[in-house]
Amino acid sequence: MHKSTTANISKQASTPADHVPLTDNQVLDKAAVILAHNHPSGIAEPSQADIAITKKLADALALIDVKVLDHLIVGDSVISFAEKGLM
């Protein structure tokens, strides 16, 4: 049975949208990272370069059994690659 745990991705007051669901396997049994960076322009949409570097990092980390769970881009809003189906 896999219980669900959440990771707060905001230092502000949290809401359900501020949490990424994680299973026990992701928390206890595996090495994993969530990538994040900002877009000072305020436009959080991922660029082709963002998508390409995320794939390169995920491929490289997979060589040492580290899974990339998500990549967050912070601008005027927060965009999740996982939620957009880009992982």
N, C-alpha and C. Protein backbone atom coordinates (compact mmCIF):
# COMPACT_ATOMS: atom_id res chain seq x y z
N MET A 1 0.84 -1.17 0.00
CA MET A 1 0.00 0.00 0.00
C MET A 1 0.88 1.23 0.00
N HIS A 2 0.57 2.18 -0.84
CA HIS A 2 1.34 3.40 -0.95
C HIS A 2 0.55 4.56 -0.39
N LYS A 3 1.03 5.10 0.73
CA LYS A 3 0.33 6.29 1.22
C LYS A 3 0.92 7.50 0.51
N SER A 4 0.17 8.55 0.48
CA SER A 4 0.61 9.76 -0.22
C SER A 4 1.14 10.77 0.77
N THR A 5 2.24 11.38 0.43
CA THR A 5 2.84 12.45 1.21
C THR A 5 2.91 13.65 0.28
N THR A 6 2.95 14.85 0.84
CA THR A 6 3.09 16.02 -0.02
C THR A 6 4.31 16.81 0.39
N ALA A 7 4.88 17.49 -0.57
CA ALA A 7 6.02 18.37 -0.33
C ALA A 7 5.56 19.80 -0.58
N ASN A 8 5.74 20.68 0.40
CA ASN A 8 5.34 22.07 0.24
C ASN A 8 6.37 22.76 -0.64
N ILE A 9 5.90 23.39 -1.72
CA ILE A 9 6.82 24.06 -2.64
C ILE A 9 6.79 25.57 -2.47
N SER A 10 6.20 26.03 -1.39
CA SER A 10 6.09 27.47 -1.15
C SER A 10 6.43 27.75 0.30
N LYS A 11 7.11 28.85 0.57
CA LYS A 11 7.39 29.23 1.95
C LYS A 11 6.27 30.09 2.51
N GLN A 12 5.30 30.44 1.68
CA GLN A 12 4.15 31.21 2.13
C GLN A 12 3.11 30.25 2.70
N ALA A 13 1.98 30.82 3.18
CA ALA A 13 0.89 29.98 3.66
C ALA A 13 0.54 28.99 2.57
N SER A 14 0.41 27.73 2.93
CA SER A 14 0.21 26.71 1.90
C SER A 14 -1.26 26.46 1.61
N THR A 15 -1.52 26.12 0.37
CA THR A 15 -2.84 25.68 -0.09
C THR A 15 -2.62 24.34 -0.77
N PRO A 16 -3.68 23.60 -1.08
CA PRO A 16 -3.47 22.31 -1.76
C PRO A 16 -2.68 22.44 -3.06
N ALA A 17 -2.79 23.57 -3.74
CA ALA A 17 -2.05 23.75 -5.00
C ALA A 17 -0.56 23.92 -4.77
N ASP A 18 -0.15 24.19 -3.53
CA ASP A 18 1.27 24.38 -3.21
C ASP A 18 1.98 23.08 -2.88
N HIS A 19 1.31 21.95 -3.02
CA HIS A 19 1.89 20.67 -2.64
C HIS A 19 1.99 19.75 -3.84
N VAL A 20 3.11 19.04 -3.90
CA VAL A 20 3.33 18.05 -4.94
C VAL A 20 3.11 16.68 -4.30
N PRO A 21 2.17 15.86 -4.81
CA PRO A 21 1.95 14.55 -4.19
C PRO A 21 3.14 13.62 -4.42
N LEU A 22 3.56 12.95 -3.38
CA LEU A 22 4.67 12.00 -3.46
C LEU A 22 4.22 10.67 -2.87
N THR A 23 4.59 9.56 -3.48
CA THR A 23 4.28 8.25 -2.92
C THR A 23 5.41 7.83 -2.00
N ASP A 24 5.15 6.79 -1.19
CA ASP A 24 6.20 6.28 -0.30
C ASP A 24 7.46 5.93 -1.06
N ASN A 25 7.33 5.32 -2.24
CA ASN A 25 8.52 4.94 -3.01
C ASN A 25 9.34 6.16 -3.37
N GLN A 26 8.70 7.25 -3.72
CA GLN A 26 9.43 8.46 -4.08
C GLN A 26 10.10 9.06 -2.86
N VAL A 27 9.51 8.91 -1.69
CA VAL A 27 10.05 9.51 -0.47
C VAL A 27 11.11 8.63 0.17
N LEU A 28 10.87 7.32 0.27
CA LEU A 28 11.72 6.45 1.07
C LEU A 28 12.73 5.62 0.29
N ASP A 29 12.37 5.17 -0.90
CA ASP A 29 13.18 4.18 -1.58
C ASP A 29 14.05 4.71 -2.71
N LYS A 30 13.86 5.92 -3.10
CA LYS A 30 14.51 6.42 -4.30
C LYS A 30 15.20 7.75 -4.04
N ALA A 31 16.21 8.01 -4.83
CA ALA A 31 16.82 9.34 -4.84
C ALA A 31 16.11 10.14 -5.92
N ALA A 32 15.68 11.33 -5.59
CA ALA A 32 14.93 12.14 -6.54
C ALA A 32 15.17 13.62 -6.28
N VAL A 33 14.96 14.41 -7.32
CA VAL A 33 15.10 15.86 -7.20
C VAL A 33 13.91 16.54 -7.88
N ILE A 34 13.65 17.74 -7.44
CA ILE A 34 12.73 18.64 -8.12
C ILE A 34 13.55 19.86 -8.50
N LEU A 35 13.65 20.11 -9.79
CA LEU A 35 14.42 21.24 -10.30
C LEU A 35 13.56 22.50 -10.23
N ALA A 36 14.17 23.65 -10.06
CA ALA A 36 13.44 24.91 -10.07
C ALA A 36 14.36 26.04 -10.48
N HIS A 37 13.80 27.00 -11.20
CA HIS A 37 14.53 28.22 -11.51
C HIS A 37 13.51 29.33 -11.77
N ASN A 38 14.01 30.55 -11.79
CA ASN A 38 13.09 31.67 -12.00
C ASN A 38 13.24 32.27 -13.39
N HIS A 39 12.20 32.95 -13.81
CA HIS A 39 12.21 33.76 -15.02
C HIS A 39 11.98 35.21 -14.57
N PRO A 40 13.04 36.00 -14.48
CA PRO A 40 12.90 37.39 -14.00
C PRO A 40 11.91 38.22 -14.81
N SER A 41 11.65 37.81 -16.04
CA SER A 41 10.67 38.54 -16.88
C SER A 41 9.27 38.43 -16.31
N GLY A 42 9.04 37.43 -15.44
CA GLY A 42 7.72 37.18 -14.90
C GLY A 42 6.91 36.19 -15.72
N ILE A 43 7.36 35.89 -16.93
CA ILE A 43 6.66 34.94 -17.81
C ILE A 43 7.19 33.55 -17.49
N ALA A 44 6.35 32.74 -16.87
CA ALA A 44 6.81 31.44 -16.37
C ALA A 44 6.74 30.32 -17.40
N GLU A 45 6.20 30.56 -18.58
CA GLU A 45 6.12 29.50 -19.59
C GLU A 45 7.51 28.97 -19.94
N PRO A 46 7.66 27.64 -20.01
CA PRO A 46 8.97 27.08 -20.33
C PRO A 46 9.37 27.35 -21.78
N SER A 47 10.62 27.72 -21.96
CA SER A 47 11.16 27.92 -23.31
C SER A 47 11.65 26.58 -23.85
N GLN A 48 11.99 26.54 -25.13
CA GLN A 48 12.56 25.32 -25.71
C GLN A 48 13.87 24.98 -25.01
N ALA A 49 14.64 26.00 -24.61
CA ALA A 49 15.89 25.76 -23.88
C ALA A 49 15.61 25.13 -22.51
N ASP A 50 14.55 25.59 -21.83
CA ASP A 50 14.17 25.00 -20.53
C ASP A 50 13.82 23.53 -20.70
N ILE A 51 13.05 23.22 -21.74
CA ILE A 51 12.64 21.84 -22.00
C ILE A 51 13.86 20.98 -22.33
N ALA A 52 14.76 21.51 -23.15
CA ALA A 52 15.96 20.75 -23.54
C ALA A 52 16.88 20.48 -22.35
N ILE A 53 17.12 21.48 -21.51
CA ILE A 53 18.03 21.27 -20.37
C ILE A 53 17.41 20.34 -19.35
N THR A 54 16.10 20.39 -19.21
CA THR A 54 15.43 19.47 -18.28
C THR A 54 15.63 18.03 -18.74
N LYS A 55 15.49 17.77 -20.05
CA LYS A 55 15.70 16.43 -20.58
C LYS A 55 17.15 15.99 -20.38
N LYS A 56 18.10 16.89 -20.66
CA LYS A 56 19.52 16.55 -20.48
C LYS A 56 19.83 16.23 -19.02
N LEU A 57 19.31 17.05 -18.10
CA LEU A 57 19.55 16.80 -16.68
C LEU A 57 18.90 15.50 -16.24
N ALA A 58 17.66 15.24 -16.68
CA ALA A 58 16.98 13.99 -16.31
C ALA A 58 17.74 12.79 -16.84
N ASP A 59 18.22 12.87 -18.07
CA ASP A 59 19.00 11.76 -18.65
C ASP A 59 20.31 11.54 -17.89
N ALA A 60 20.99 12.63 -17.55
CA ALA A 60 22.26 12.52 -16.82
C ALA A 60 22.04 11.96 -15.41
N LEU A 61 21.03 12.45 -14.72
CA LEU A 61 20.76 11.98 -13.37
C LEU A 61 20.29 10.53 -13.35
N ALA A 62 19.61 10.11 -14.41
CA ALA A 62 19.17 8.71 -14.50
C ALA A 62 20.37 7.76 -14.49
N LEU A 63 21.51 8.20 -14.98
CA LEU A 63 22.72 7.37 -14.98
C LEU A 63 23.16 7.00 -13.58
N ILE A 64 22.80 7.83 -12.60
CA ILE A 64 23.15 7.54 -11.21
C ILE A 64 21.89 7.26 -10.37
N ASP A 65 20.83 6.83 -11.06
CA ASP A 65 19.58 6.41 -10.42
C ASP A 65 18.90 7.51 -9.60
N VAL A 66 18.99 8.73 -10.10
CA VAL A 66 18.27 9.84 -9.48
C VAL A 66 17.18 10.27 -10.45
N LYS A 67 15.95 10.28 -9.96
CA LYS A 67 14.81 10.63 -10.81
C LYS A 67 14.47 12.11 -10.65
N VAL A 68 14.18 12.76 -11.76
CA VAL A 68 13.70 14.14 -11.72
C VAL A 68 12.17 14.07 -11.66
N LEU A 69 11.60 14.48 -10.53
CA LEU A 69 10.15 14.42 -10.34
C LEU A 69 9.42 15.56 -11.03
N ASP A 70 10.05 16.73 -11.06
CA ASP A 70 9.40 17.90 -11.64
C ASP A 70 10.45 18.97 -11.89
N HIS A 71 10.06 19.94 -12.68
CA HIS A 71 10.86 21.14 -12.89
C HIS A 71 9.89 22.30 -12.78
N LEU A 72 10.13 23.18 -11.84
CA LEU A 72 9.26 24.33 -11.60
C LEU A 72 9.91 25.58 -12.15
N ILE A 73 9.12 26.40 -12.80
CA ILE A 73 9.58 27.71 -13.25
C ILE A 73 8.76 28.75 -12.52
N VAL A 74 9.47 29.66 -11.86
CA VAL A 74 8.83 30.69 -11.06
C VAL A 74 8.92 32.02 -11.79
N GLY A 75 7.78 32.61 -12.02
CA GLY A 75 7.68 33.95 -12.60
C GLY A 75 6.58 34.65 -11.84
N ASP A 76 5.65 35.27 -12.55
CA ASP A 76 4.48 35.84 -11.88
C ASP A 76 3.57 34.73 -11.37
N SER A 77 3.77 33.53 -11.88
CA SER A 77 3.08 32.32 -11.42
C SER A 77 4.13 31.21 -11.38
N VAL A 78 3.72 30.01 -10.99
CA VAL A 78 4.63 28.86 -10.97
C VAL A 78 4.11 27.83 -11.97
N ILE A 79 4.97 27.40 -12.87
CA ILE A 79 4.63 26.39 -13.87
C ILE A 79 5.34 25.09 -13.49
N SER A 80 4.60 24.00 -13.53
CA SER A 80 5.13 22.67 -13.23
C SER A 80 5.22 21.87 -14.52
N PHE A 81 6.44 21.40 -14.85
CA PHE A 81 6.60 20.55 -16.03
C PHE A 81 5.74 19.28 -15.89
N ALA A 82 5.69 18.72 -14.70
CA ALA A 82 4.91 17.49 -14.49
C ALA A 82 3.43 17.73 -14.79
N GLU A 83 2.90 18.83 -14.29
CA GLU A 83 1.49 19.14 -14.53
C GLU A 83 1.20 19.41 -15.99
N LYS A 84 2.18 19.95 -16.73
CA LYS A 84 2.01 20.24 -18.14
C LYS A 84 2.33 19.03 -19.04
N GLY A 85 2.70 17.91 -18.42
CA GLY A 85 3.02 16.71 -19.19
C GLY A 85 4.36 16.78 -19.90
N LEU A 86 5.28 17.58 -19.38
CA LEU A 86 6.59 17.76 -20.02
C LEU A 86 7.69 16.90 -19.39
N MET A 87 7.36 16.07 -18.42
CA MET A 87 8.38 15.24 -17.78
C MET A 87 8.48 13.89 -18.48
